[in-house]
Amino acid sequence: MEDAARLARDPRYIALIQRRGRFTTALTAIMLVVYFGFILVIAFDKALLARPIGGGATSWGIPVGLGVIALAILLTGLYVWRANRDFDPVIDELRAEAQA
């Protein structure tokens, strides 16, 4: 229990939690704006996304919807990349010190 309290007071841990929190909040906000924007366009202007692309059978809703899904995958990859590069080394260092 004392190890957890000492860890919670460690300035590196506090900085890590703050940086990670800001980053995840930004990613979450981006995804929510895009997703709910897409849903609101569907709800209030169906004709906009129902327009065919170049006179074909596919409407604009298909690539825009796929873009929302691709953005979610991209943001997930961005989080994993940043976690591996910035967050995990700090966690590993703190864990090694706690076990020593």
PDB file of N, CA and C in Angstrom:
ATOM      1  N   MET A   1       0.821  -1.196   0.000  1.00  0.00           N
ATOM      2  CA  MET A   1       0.000   0.000   0.000  1.00  0.00           C
ATOM      3  C   MET A   1       0.863   1.256   0.000  1.00  0.00           C
ATOM      4  N   GLU A   2       1.962   1.187   0.732  1.00  0.00           N
ATOM      5  CA  GLU A   2       2.855   2.340   0.795  1.00  0.00           C
ATOM      6  C   GLU A   2       3.514   2.585  -0.564  1.00  0.00           C
ATOM      7  N   ASP A   3       3.790   1.504  -1.315  1.00  0.00           N
ATOM      8  CA  ASP A   3       4.368   1.652  -2.652  1.00  0.00           C
ATOM      9  C   ASP A   3       3.417   2.422  -3.566  1.00  0.00           C
ATOM     10  N   ALA A   4       2.136   2.136  -3.474  1.00  0.00           N
ATOM     11  CA  ALA A   4       1.155   2.828  -4.312  1.00  0.00           C
ATOM     12  C   ALA A   4       1.078   4.304  -3.935  1.00  0.00           C
ATOM     13  N   ALA A   5       1.137   4.603  -2.655  1.00  0.00           N
ATOM     14  CA  ALA A   5       1.095   6.001  -2.218  1.00  0.00           C
ATOM     15  C   ALA A   5       2.350   6.749  -2.668  1.00  0.00           C
ATOM     16  N   ARG A   6       3.505   6.075  -2.590  1.00  0.00           N
ATOM     17  CA  ARG A   6       4.751   6.695  -3.028  1.00  0.00           C
ATOM     18  C   ARG A   6       4.714   6.935  -4.538  1.00  0.00           C
ATOM     19  N   LEU A   7       4.179   5.974  -5.270  1.00  0.00           N
ATOM     20  CA  LEU A   7       4.056   6.125  -6.719  1.00  0.00           C
ATOM     21  C   LEU A   7       3.132   7.292  -7.063  1.00  0.00           C
ATOM     22  N   ALA A   8       2.032   7.416  -6.349  1.00  0.00           N
ATOM     23  CA  ALA A   8       1.068   8.492  -6.622  1.00  0.00           C
ATOM     24  C   ALA A   8       1.669   9.873  -6.373  1.00  0.00           C
ATOM     25  N   ARG A   9       2.685   9.958  -5.539  1.00  0.00           N
ATOM     26  CA  ARG A   9       3.341  11.242  -5.253  1.00  0.00           C
ATOM     27  C   ARG A   9       4.528  11.522  -6.167  1.00  0.00           C
ATOM     28  N   ASP A  10       4.958  10.534  -6.928  1.00  0.00           N
ATOM     29  CA  ASP A  10       6.124  10.683  -7.797  1.00  0.00           C
ATOM     30  C   ASP A  10       5.809  11.701  -8.898  1.00  0.00           C
ATOM     31  N   PRO A  11       6.630  12.734  -9.050  1.00  0.00           N
ATOM     32  CA  PRO A  11       6.358  13.769 -10.061  1.00  0.00           C
ATOM     33  C   PRO A  11       6.335  13.218 -11.496  1.00  0.00           C
ATOM     34  N   ARG A  12       7.128  12.192 -11.769  1.00  0.00           N
ATOM     35  CA  ARG A  12       7.120  11.595 -13.107  1.00  0.00           C
ATOM     36  C   ARG A  12       5.785  10.904 -13.388  1.00  0.00           C
ATOM     37  N   TYR A  13       5.244  10.251 -12.372  1.00  0.00           N
ATOM     38  CA  TYR A  13       3.946   9.580 -12.515  1.00  0.00           C
ATOM     39  C   TYR A  13       2.827  10.611 -12.698  1.00  0.00           C
ATOM     40  N   ILE A  14       2.870  11.659 -11.921  1.00  0.00           N
ATOM     41  CA  ILE A  14       1.861  12.720 -12.021  1.00  0.00           C
ATOM     42  C   ILE A  14       1.907  13.364 -13.409  1.00  0.00           C
ATOM     43  N   ALA A  15       3.118  13.649 -13.894  1.00  0.00           N
ATOM     44  CA  ALA A  15       3.270  14.241 -15.224  1.00  0.00           C
ATOM     45  C   ALA A  15       2.772  13.278 -16.303  1.00  0.00           C
ATOM     46  N   LEU A  16       3.061  11.992 -16.136  1.00  0.00           N
ATOM     47  CA  LEU A  16       2.605  10.988 -17.095  1.00  0.00           C
ATOM     48  C   LEU A  16       1.084  10.945 -17.160  1.00  0.00           C
ATOM     49  N   ILE A  17       0.446  10.917 -16.016  1.00  0.00           N
ATOM     50  CA  ILE A  17      -1.014  10.869 -15.962  1.00  0.00           C
ATOM     51  C   ILE A  17      -1.625  12.114 -16.607  1.00  0.00           C
ATOM     52  N   GLN A  18      -1.033  13.270 -16.357  1.00  0.00           N
ATOM     53  CA  GLN A  18      -1.547  14.505 -16.942  1.00  0.00           C
ATOM     54  C   GLN A  18      -1.372  14.528 -18.464  1.00  0.00           C
ATOM     55  N   ARG A  19      -0.177  14.140 -18.943  1.00  0.00           N
ATOM     56  CA  ARG A  19       0.067  14.118 -20.396  1.00  0.00           C
ATOM     57  C   ARG A  19      -0.845  13.114 -21.094  1.00  0.00           C
ATOM     58  N   ARG A  20      -0.947  11.940 -20.515  1.00  0.00           N
ATOM     59  CA  ARG A  20      -1.798  10.904 -21.119  1.00  0.00           C
ATOM     60  C   ARG A  20      -3.257  11.336 -21.107  1.00  0.00           C
ATOM     61  N   GLY A  21      -3.685  11.964 -20.042  1.00  0.00           N
ATOM     62  CA  GLY A  21      -5.065  12.439 -19.945  1.00  0.00           C
ATOM     63  C   GLY A  21      -5.397  13.498 -20.982  1.00  0.00           C
ATOM     64  N   ARG A  22      -4.484  14.449 -21.172  1.00  0.00           N
ATOM     65  CA  ARG A  22      -4.704  15.485 -22.198  1.00  0.00           C
ATOM     66  C   ARG A  22      -4.755  14.870 -23.593  1.00  0.00           C
ATOM     67  N   PHE A  23      -3.865  13.929 -23.844  1.00  0.00           N
ATOM     68  CA  PHE A  23      -3.809  13.299 -25.156  1.00  0.00           C
ATOM     69  C   PHE A  23      -5.072  12.488 -25.433  1.00  0.00           C
ATOM     70  N   THR A  24      -5.496  11.683 -24.478  1.00  0.00           N
ATOM     71  CA  THR A  24      -6.699  10.874 -24.688  1.00  0.00           C
ATOM     72  C   THR A  24      -7.948  11.743 -24.767  1.00  0.00           C
ATOM     73  N   THR A  25      -7.978  12.841 -24.038  1.00  0.00           N
ATOM     74  CA  THR A  25      -9.119  13.758 -24.127  1.00  0.00           C
ATOM     75  C   THR A  25      -9.195  14.373 -25.522  1.00  0.00           C
ATOM     76  N   ALA A  26      -8.050  14.754 -26.082  1.00  0.00           N
ATOM     77  CA  ALA A  26      -8.027  15.330 -27.427  1.00  0.00           C
ATOM     78  C   ALA A  26      -8.488  14.304 -28.467  1.00  0.00           C
ATOM     79  N   LEU A  27      -7.986  13.081 -28.374  1.00  0.00           N
ATOM     80  CA  LEU A  27      -8.391  12.043 -29.324  1.00  0.00           C
ATOM     81  C   LEU A  27      -9.879  11.734 -29.206  1.00  0.00           C
ATOM     82  N   THR A  28     -10.369  11.677 -27.981  1.00  0.00           N
ATOM     83  CA  THR A  28     -11.787  11.415 -27.755  1.00  0.00           C
ATOM     84  C   THR A  28     -12.646  12.536 -28.329  1.00  0.00           C
ATOM     85  N   ALA A  29     -12.232  13.776 -28.110  1.00  0.00           N
ATOM     86  CA  ALA A  29     -12.990  14.916 -28.631  1.00  0.00           C
ATOM     87  C   ALA A  29     -13.034  14.892 -30.158  1.00  0.00           C
ATOM     88  N   ILE A  30     -11.908  14.592 -30.789  1.00  0.00           N
ATOM     89  CA  ILE A  30     -11.877  14.503 -32.254  1.00  0.00           C
ATOM     90  C   ILE A  30     -12.860  13.444 -32.742  1.00  0.00           C
ATOM     91  N   MET A  31     -12.812  12.268 -32.128  1.00  0.00           N
ATOM     92  CA  MET A  31     -13.687  11.182 -32.580  1.00  0.00           C
ATOM     93  C   MET A  31     -15.153  11.514 -32.335  1.00  0.00           C
ATOM     94  N   LEU A  32     -15.471  12.109 -31.211  1.00  0.00           N
ATOM     95  CA  LEU A  32     -16.866  12.455 -30.925  1.00  0.00           C
ATOM     96  C   LEU A  32     -17.399  13.506 -31.888  1.00  0.00           C
ATOM     97  N   VAL A  33     -16.592  14.518 -32.196  1.00  0.00           N
ATOM     98  CA  VAL A  33     -17.033  15.564 -33.130  1.00  0.00           C
ATOM     99  C   VAL A  33     -17.292  14.959 -34.508  1.00  0.00           C
ATOM    100  N   VAL A  34     -16.380  14.127 -34.978  1.00  0.00           N
ATOM    101  CA  VAL A  34     -16.548  13.525 -36.306  1.00  0.00           C
ATOM    102  C   VAL A  34     -17.745  12.586 -36.322  1.00  0.00           C
ATOM    103  N   TYR A  35     -17.841  11.712 -35.325  1.00  0.00           N
ATOM    104  CA  TYR A  35     -18.927  10.728 -35.300  1.00  0.00           C
ATOM    105  C   TYR A  35     -20.294  11.410 -35.182  1.00  0.00           C
ATOM    106  N   PHE A  36     -20.434  12.302 -34.206  1.00  0.00           N
ATOM    107  CA  PHE A  36     -21.732  12.945 -34.029  1.00  0.00           C
ATOM    108  C   PHE A  36     -22.029  13.919 -35.168  1.00  0.00           C
ATOM    109  N   GLY A  37     -20.993  14.504 -35.764  1.00  0.00           N
ATOM    110  CA  GLY A  37     -21.212  15.313 -36.960  1.00  0.00           C
ATOM    111  C   GLY A  37     -21.801  14.481 -38.086  1.00  0.00           C
ATOM    112  N   PHE A  38     -21.268  13.293 -38.279  1.00  0.00           N
ATOM    113  CA  PHE A  38     -21.779  12.377 -39.296  1.00  0.00           C
ATOM    114  C   PHE A  38     -23.237  12.005 -39.004  1.00  0.00           C
ATOM    115  N   ILE A  39     -23.520  11.664 -37.767  1.00  0.00           N
ATOM    116  CA  ILE A  39     -24.886  11.290 -37.377  1.00  0.00           C
ATOM    117  C   ILE A  39     -25.838  12.473 -37.548  1.00  0.00           C
ATOM    118  N   LEU A  40     -25.397  13.675 -37.185  1.00  0.00           N
ATOM    119  CA  LEU A  40     -26.256  14.852 -37.332  1.00  0.00           C
ATOM    120  C   LEU A  40     -26.534  15.182 -38.794  1.00  0.00           C
ATOM    121  N   VAL A  41     -25.547  14.990 -39.655  1.00  0.00           N
ATOM    122  CA  VAL A  41     -25.780  15.203 -41.083  1.00  0.00           C
ATOM    123  C   VAL A  41     -26.814  14.198 -41.585  1.00  0.00           C
ATOM    124  N   ILE A  42     -26.688  12.948 -41.151  1.00  0.00           N
ATOM    125  CA  ILE A  42     -27.674  11.936 -41.540  1.00  0.00           C
ATOM    126  C   ILE A  42     -29.062  12.330 -41.039  1.00  0.00           C
ATOM    127  N   ALA A  43     -29.131  12.836 -39.821  1.00  0.00           N
ATOM    128  CA  ALA A  43     -30.425  13.165 -39.226  1.00  0.00           C
ATOM    129  C   ALA A  43     -31.078  14.393 -39.861  1.00  0.00           C
ATOM    130  N   PHE A  44     -30.283  15.401 -40.183  1.00  0.00           N
ATOM    131  CA  PHE A  44     -30.867  16.669 -40.597  1.00  0.00           C
ATOM    132  C   PHE A  44     -30.708  17.007 -42.081  1.00  0.00           C
ATOM    133  N   ASP A  45     -29.857  16.310 -42.797  1.00  0.00           N
ATOM    134  CA  ASP A  45     -29.698  16.591 -44.229  1.00  0.00           C
ATOM    135  C   ASP A  45     -29.352  15.295 -44.969  1.00  0.00           C
ATOM    136  N   LYS A  46     -30.307  14.387 -44.982  1.00  0.00           N
ATOM    137  CA  LYS A  46     -30.089  13.082 -45.615  1.00  0.00           C
ATOM    138  C   LYS A  46     -29.708  13.221 -47.087  1.00  0.00           C
ATOM    139  N   ALA A  47     -30.266  14.223 -47.747  1.00  0.00           N
ATOM    140  CA  ALA A  47     -30.004  14.400 -49.178  1.00  0.00           C
ATOM    141  C   ALA A  47     -28.531  14.686 -49.464  1.00  0.00           C
ATOM    142  N   LEU A  48     -27.840  15.327 -48.524  1.00  0.00           N
ATOM    143  CA  LEU A  48     -26.432  15.648 -48.734  1.00  0.00           C
ATOM    144  C   LEU A  48     -25.593  14.390 -48.930  1.00  0.00           C
ATOM    145  N   LEU A  49     -25.773  13.417 -48.059  1.00  0.00           N
ATOM    146  CA  LEU A  49     -24.995  12.186 -48.155  1.00  0.00           C
ATOM    147  C   LEU A  49     -25.618  11.174 -49.117  1.00  0.00           C
ATOM    148  N   ALA A  50     -26.837  11.438 -49.561  1.00  0.00           N
ATOM    149  CA  ALA A  50     -27.499  10.528 -50.496  1.00  0.00           C
ATOM    150  C   ALA A  50     -27.153  10.837 -51.944  1.00  0.00           C
ATOM    151  N   ARG A  51     -26.473  11.944 -52.192  1.00  0.00           N
ATOM    152  CA  ARG A  51     -26.105  12.312 -53.560  1.00  0.00           C
ATOM    153  C   ARG A  51     -25.138  11.276 -54.133  1.00  0.00           C
ATOM    154  N   PRO A  52     -25.386  10.873 -55.352  1.00  0.00           N
ATOM    155  CA  PRO A  52     -24.473   9.895 -55.960  1.00  0.00           C
ATOM    156  C   PRO A  52     -23.121  10.522 -56.310  1.00  0.00           C
ATOM    157  N   ILE A  53     -22.112   9.695 -56.285  1.00  0.00           N
ATOM    158  CA  ILE A  53     -20.764  10.140 -56.642  1.00  0.00           C
ATOM    159  C   ILE A  53     -20.624  10.024 -58.160  1.00  0.00           C
ATOM    160  N   GLY A  54     -20.420  11.142 -58.817  1.00  0.00           N
ATOM    161  CA  GLY A  54     -20.180  11.142 -60.258  1.00  0.00           C
ATOM    162  C   GLY A  54     -21.271  10.484 -61.082  1.00  0.00           C
ATOM    163  N   GLY A  55     -22.502  10.542 -60.632  1.00  0.00           N
ATOM    164  CA  GLY A  55     -23.596   9.967 -61.386  1.00  0.00           C
ATOM    165  C   GLY A  55     -23.707   8.457 -61.259  1.00  0.00           C
ATOM    166  N   GLY A  56     -22.890   7.846 -60.407  1.00  0.00           N
ATOM    167  CA  GLY A  56     -22.924   6.392 -60.224  1.00  0.00           C
ATOM    168  C   GLY A  56     -23.953   5.965 -59.200  1.00  0.00           C
ATOM    169  N   ALA A  57     -23.874   4.723 -58.794  1.00  0.00           N
ATOM    170  CA  ALA A  57     -24.826   4.165 -57.845  1.00  0.00           C
ATOM    171  C   ALA A  57     -24.415   4.381 -56.392  1.00  0.00           C
ATOM    172  N   THR A  58     -23.154   4.663 -56.162  1.00  0.00           N
ATOM    173  CA  THR A  58     -22.657   4.848 -54.793  1.00  0.00           C
ATOM    174  C   THR A  58     -22.881   6.286 -54.354  1.00  0.00           C
ATOM    175  N   SER A  59     -23.430   6.442 -53.152  1.00  0.00           N
ATOM    176  CA  SER A  59     -23.673   7.788 -52.628  1.00  0.00           C
ATOM    177  C   SER A  59     -22.479   8.251 -51.798  1.00  0.00           C
ATOM    178  N   TRP A  60     -22.456   9.553 -51.491  1.00  0.00           N
ATOM    179  CA  TRP A  60     -21.386  10.122 -50.677  1.00  0.00           C
ATOM    180  C   TRP A  60     -21.369   9.568 -49.255  1.00  0.00           C
ATOM    181  N   GLY A  61     -22.478   9.034 -48.803  1.00  0.00           N
ATOM    182  CA  GLY A  61     -22.541   8.484 -47.449  1.00  0.00           C
ATOM    183  C   GLY A  61     -21.600   7.316 -47.232  1.00  0.00           C
ATOM    184  N   ILE A  62     -21.373   6.530 -48.276  1.00  0.00           N
ATOM    185  CA  ILE A  62     -20.492   5.360 -48.146  1.00  0.00           C
ATOM    186  C   ILE A  62     -19.042   5.771 -47.868  1.00  0.00           C
ATOM    187  N   PRO A  63     -18.407   6.592 -48.692  1.00  0.00           N
ATOM    188  CA  PRO A  63     -17.019   6.960 -48.377  1.00  0.00           C
ATOM    189  C   PRO A  63     -16.885   7.803 -47.105  1.00  0.00           C
ATOM    190  N   VAL A  64     -17.886   8.625 -46.832  1.00  0.00           N
ATOM    191  CA  VAL A  64     -17.813   9.415 -45.590  1.00  0.00           C
ATOM    192  C   VAL A  64     -17.909   8.490 -44.376  1.00  0.00           C
ATOM    193  N   GLY A  65     -18.831   7.517 -44.421  1.00  0.00           N
ATOM    194  CA  GLY A  65     -18.944   6.542 -43.331  1.00  0.00           C
ATOM    195  C   GLY A  65     -17.673   5.718 -43.171  1.00  0.00           C
ATOM    196  N   LEU A  66     -17.086   5.301 -44.287  1.00  0.00           N
ATOM    197  CA  LEU A  66     -15.814   4.571 -44.225  1.00  0.00           C
ATOM    198  C   LEU A  66     -14.703   5.462 -43.682  1.00  0.00           C
ATOM    199  N   GLY A  67     -14.784   6.756 -43.992  1.00  0.00           N
ATOM    200  CA  GLY A  67     -13.812   7.701 -43.448  1.00  0.00           C
ATOM    201  C   GLY A  67     -13.902   7.815 -41.931  1.00  0.00           C
ATOM    202  N   VAL A  68     -15.119   7.771 -41.404  1.00  0.00           N
ATOM    203  CA  VAL A  68     -15.298   7.803 -39.945  1.00  0.00           C
ATOM    204  C   VAL A  68     -14.664   6.561 -39.324  1.00  0.00           C
ATOM    205  N   ILE A  69     -14.887   5.417 -39.935  1.00  0.00           N
ATOM    206  CA  ILE A  69     -14.290   4.174 -39.426  1.00  0.00           C
ATOM    207  C   ILE A  69     -12.768   4.231 -39.548  1.00  0.00           C
ATOM    208  N   ALA A  70     -12.261   4.720 -40.682  1.00  0.00           N
ATOM    209  CA  ALA A  70     -10.813   4.826 -40.874  1.00  0.00           C
ATOM    210  C   ALA A  70     -10.195   5.785 -39.859  1.00  0.00           C
ATOM    211  N   LEU A  71     -10.896   6.866 -39.539  1.00  0.00           N
ATOM    212  CA  LEU A  71     -10.390   7.808 -38.539  1.00  0.00           C
ATOM    213  C   LEU A  71     -10.281   7.128 -37.176  1.00  0.00           C
ATOM    214  N   ALA A  72     -11.258   6.327 -36.823  1.00  0.00           N
ATOM    215  CA  ALA A  72     -11.197   5.612 -35.541  1.00  0.00           C
ATOM    216  C   ALA A  72      -9.981   4.686 -35.495  1.00  0.00           C
ATOM    217  N   ILE A  73      -9.722   3.994 -36.587  1.00  0.00           N
ATOM    218  CA  ILE A  73      -8.555   3.108 -36.649  1.00  0.00           C
ATOM    219  C   ILE A  73      -7.265   3.926 -36.576  1.00  0.00           C
ATOM    220  N   LEU A  74      -7.219   5.038 -37.294  1.00  0.00           N
ATOM    221  CA  LEU A  74      -6.047   5.905 -37.287  1.00  0.00           C
ATOM    222  C   LEU A  74      -5.774   6.474 -35.891  1.00  0.00           C
ATOM    223  N   LEU A  75      -6.808   6.940 -35.215  1.00  0.00           N
ATOM    224  CA  LEU A  75      -6.621   7.494 -33.867  1.00  0.00           C
ATOM    225  C   LEU A  75      -6.174   6.417 -32.882  1.00  0.00           C
ATOM    226  N   THR A  76      -6.687   5.201 -33.046  1.00  0.00           N
ATOM    227  CA  THR A  76      -6.241   4.093 -32.195  1.00  0.00           C
ATOM    228  C   THR A  76      -4.763   3.812 -32.430  1.00  0.00           C
ATOM    229  N   GLY A  77      -4.359   3.765 -33.706  1.00  0.00           N
ATOM    230  CA  GLY A  77      -2.943   3.560 -34.025  1.00  0.00           C
ATOM    231  C   GLY A  77      -2.070   4.679 -33.484  1.00  0.00           C
ATOM    232  N   LEU A  78      -2.552   5.907 -33.563  1.00  0.00           N
ATOM    233  CA  LEU A  78      -1.810   7.050 -33.030  1.00  0.00           C
ATOM    234  C   LEU A  78      -1.626   6.921 -31.525  1.00  0.00           C
ATOM    235  N   TYR A  79      -2.680   6.486 -30.820  1.00  0.00           N
ATOM    236  CA  TYR A  79      -2.555   6.314 -29.376  1.00  0.00           C
ATOM    237  C   TYR A  79      -1.545   5.215 -29.049  1.00  0.00           C
ATOM    238  N   VAL A  80      -1.619   4.106 -29.748  1.00  0.00           N
ATOM    239  CA  VAL A  80      -0.693   2.990 -29.490  1.00  0.00           C
ATOM    240  C   VAL A  80       0.745   3.426 -29.760  1.00  0.00           C
ATOM    241  N   TRP A  81       0.968   4.139 -30.869  1.00  0.00           N
ATOM    242  CA  TRP A  81       2.307   4.618 -31.197  1.00  0.00           C
ATOM    243  C   TRP A  81       2.844   5.545 -30.102  1.00  0.00           C
ATOM    244  N   ARG A  82       2.005   6.470 -29.675  1.00  0.00           N
ATOM    245  CA  ARG A  82       2.454   7.418 -28.635  1.00  0.00           C
ATOM    246  C   ARG A  82       2.648   6.719 -27.299  1.00  0.00           C
ATOM    247  N   ALA A  83       1.788   5.774 -26.971  1.00  0.00           N
ATOM    248  CA  ALA A  83       1.935   5.040 -25.712  1.00  0.00           C
ATOM    249  C   ALA A  83       3.242   4.256 -25.713  1.00  0.00           C
ATOM    250  N   ASN A  84       3.531   3.586 -26.809  1.00  0.00           N
ATOM    251  CA  ASN A  84       4.779   2.818 -26.894  1.00  0.00           C
ATOM    252  C   ASN A  84       6.002   3.715 -26.826  1.00  0.00           C
ATOM    253  N   ARG A  85       5.931   4.897 -27.414  1.00  0.00           N
ATOM    254  CA  ARG A  85       7.079   5.800 -27.490  1.00  0.00           C
ATOM    255  C   ARG A  85       7.262   6.628 -26.222  1.00  0.00           C
ATOM    256  N   ASP A  86       6.155   7.149 -25.667  1.00  0.00           N
ATOM    257  CA  ASP A  86       6.264   8.114 -24.569  1.00  0.00           C
ATOM    258  C   ASP A  86       5.816   7.583 -23.210  1.00  0.00           C
ATOM    259  N   PHE A  87       4.718   6.863 -23.177  1.00  0.00           N
ATOM    260  CA  PHE A  87       4.128   6.491 -21.892  1.00  0.00           C
ATOM    261  C   PHE A  87       4.741   5.223 -21.306  1.00  0.00           C
ATOM    262  N   ASP A  88       4.900   4.192 -22.118  1.00  0.00           N
ATOM    263  CA  ASP A  88       5.380   2.909 -21.609  1.00  0.00           C
ATOM    264  C   ASP A  88       6.794   2.964 -21.024  1.00  0.00           C
ATOM    265  N   PRO A  89       7.739   3.697 -21.619  1.00  0.00           N
ATOM    266  CA  PRO A  89       9.065   3.761 -20.996  1.00  0.00           C
ATOM    267  C   PRO A  89       9.037   4.347 -19.579  1.00  0.00           C
ATOM    268  N   VAL A  90       8.207   5.345 -19.363  1.00  0.00           N
ATOM    269  CA  VAL A  90       8.090   5.933 -18.014  1.00  0.00           C
ATOM    270  C   VAL A  90       7.492   4.912 -17.056  1.00  0.00           C
ATOM    271  N   ILE A  91       6.473   4.211 -17.505  1.00  0.00           N
ATOM    272  CA  ILE A  91       5.851   3.188 -16.659  1.00  0.00           C
ATOM    273  C   ILE A  91       6.852   2.086 -16.337  1.00  0.00           C
ATOM    274  N   ASP A  92       7.614   1.651 -17.330  1.00  0.00           N
ATOM    275  CA  ASP A  92       8.615   0.607 -17.094  1.00  0.00           C
ATOM    276  C   ASP A  92       9.676   1.060 -16.108  1.00  0.00           C
ATOM    277  N   GLU A  93      10.098   2.312 -16.227  1.00  0.00           N
ATOM    278  CA  GLU A  93      11.102   2.863 -15.302  1.00  0.00           C
ATOM    279  C   GLU A  93      10.552   2.915 -13.872  1.00  0.00           C
ATOM    280  N   LEU A  94       9.329   3.380 -13.721  1.00  0.00           N
ATOM    281  CA  LEU A  94       8.734   3.448 -12.385  1.00  0.00           C
ATOM    282  C   LEU A  94       8.536   2.054 -11.793  1.00  0.00           C
ATOM    283  N   ARG A  95       8.125   1.118 -12.636  1.00  0.00           N
ATOM    284  CA  ARG A  95       7.933  -0.266 -12.168  1.00  0.00           C
ATOM    285  C   ARG A  95       9.261  -0.883 -11.727  1.00  0.00           C
ATOM    286  N   ALA A  96      10.336  -0.647 -12.486  1.00  0.00           N
ATOM    287  CA  ALA A  96      11.643  -1.185 -12.143  1.00  0.00           C
ATOM    288  C   ALA A  96      12.145  -0.610 -10.812  1.00  0.00           C
ATOM    289  N   GLU A  97      11.913   0.672 -10.602  1.00  0.00           N
ATOM    290  CA  GLU A  97      12.328   1.287  -9.339  1.00  0.00           C
ATOM    291  C   GLU A  97      11.509   0.743  -8.163  1.00  0.00           C
ATOM    292  N   ALA A  98      10.243   0.473  -8.389  1.00  0.00           N
ATOM    293  CA  ALA A  98       9.384  -0.030  -7.315  1.00  0.00           C
ATOM    294  C   ALA A  98       9.767  -1.450  -6.930  1.00  0.00           C
ATOM    295  N   GLN A  99      10.251  -2.242  -7.894  1.00  0.00           N
ATOM    296  CA  GLN A  99      10.622  -3.628  -7.604  1.00  0.00           C
ATOM    297  C   GLN A  99      12.005  -3.741  -7.030  1.00  0.00           C
ATOM    298  N   ALA A 100      12.812  -2.701  -7.158  1.00  0.00           N
ATOM    299  CA  ALA A 100      14.189  -2.737  -6.657  1.00  0.00           C
ATOM    300  C   ALA A 100      14.252  -2.490  -5.167  1.00  0.00           C
TER     301      ALA A 100
END
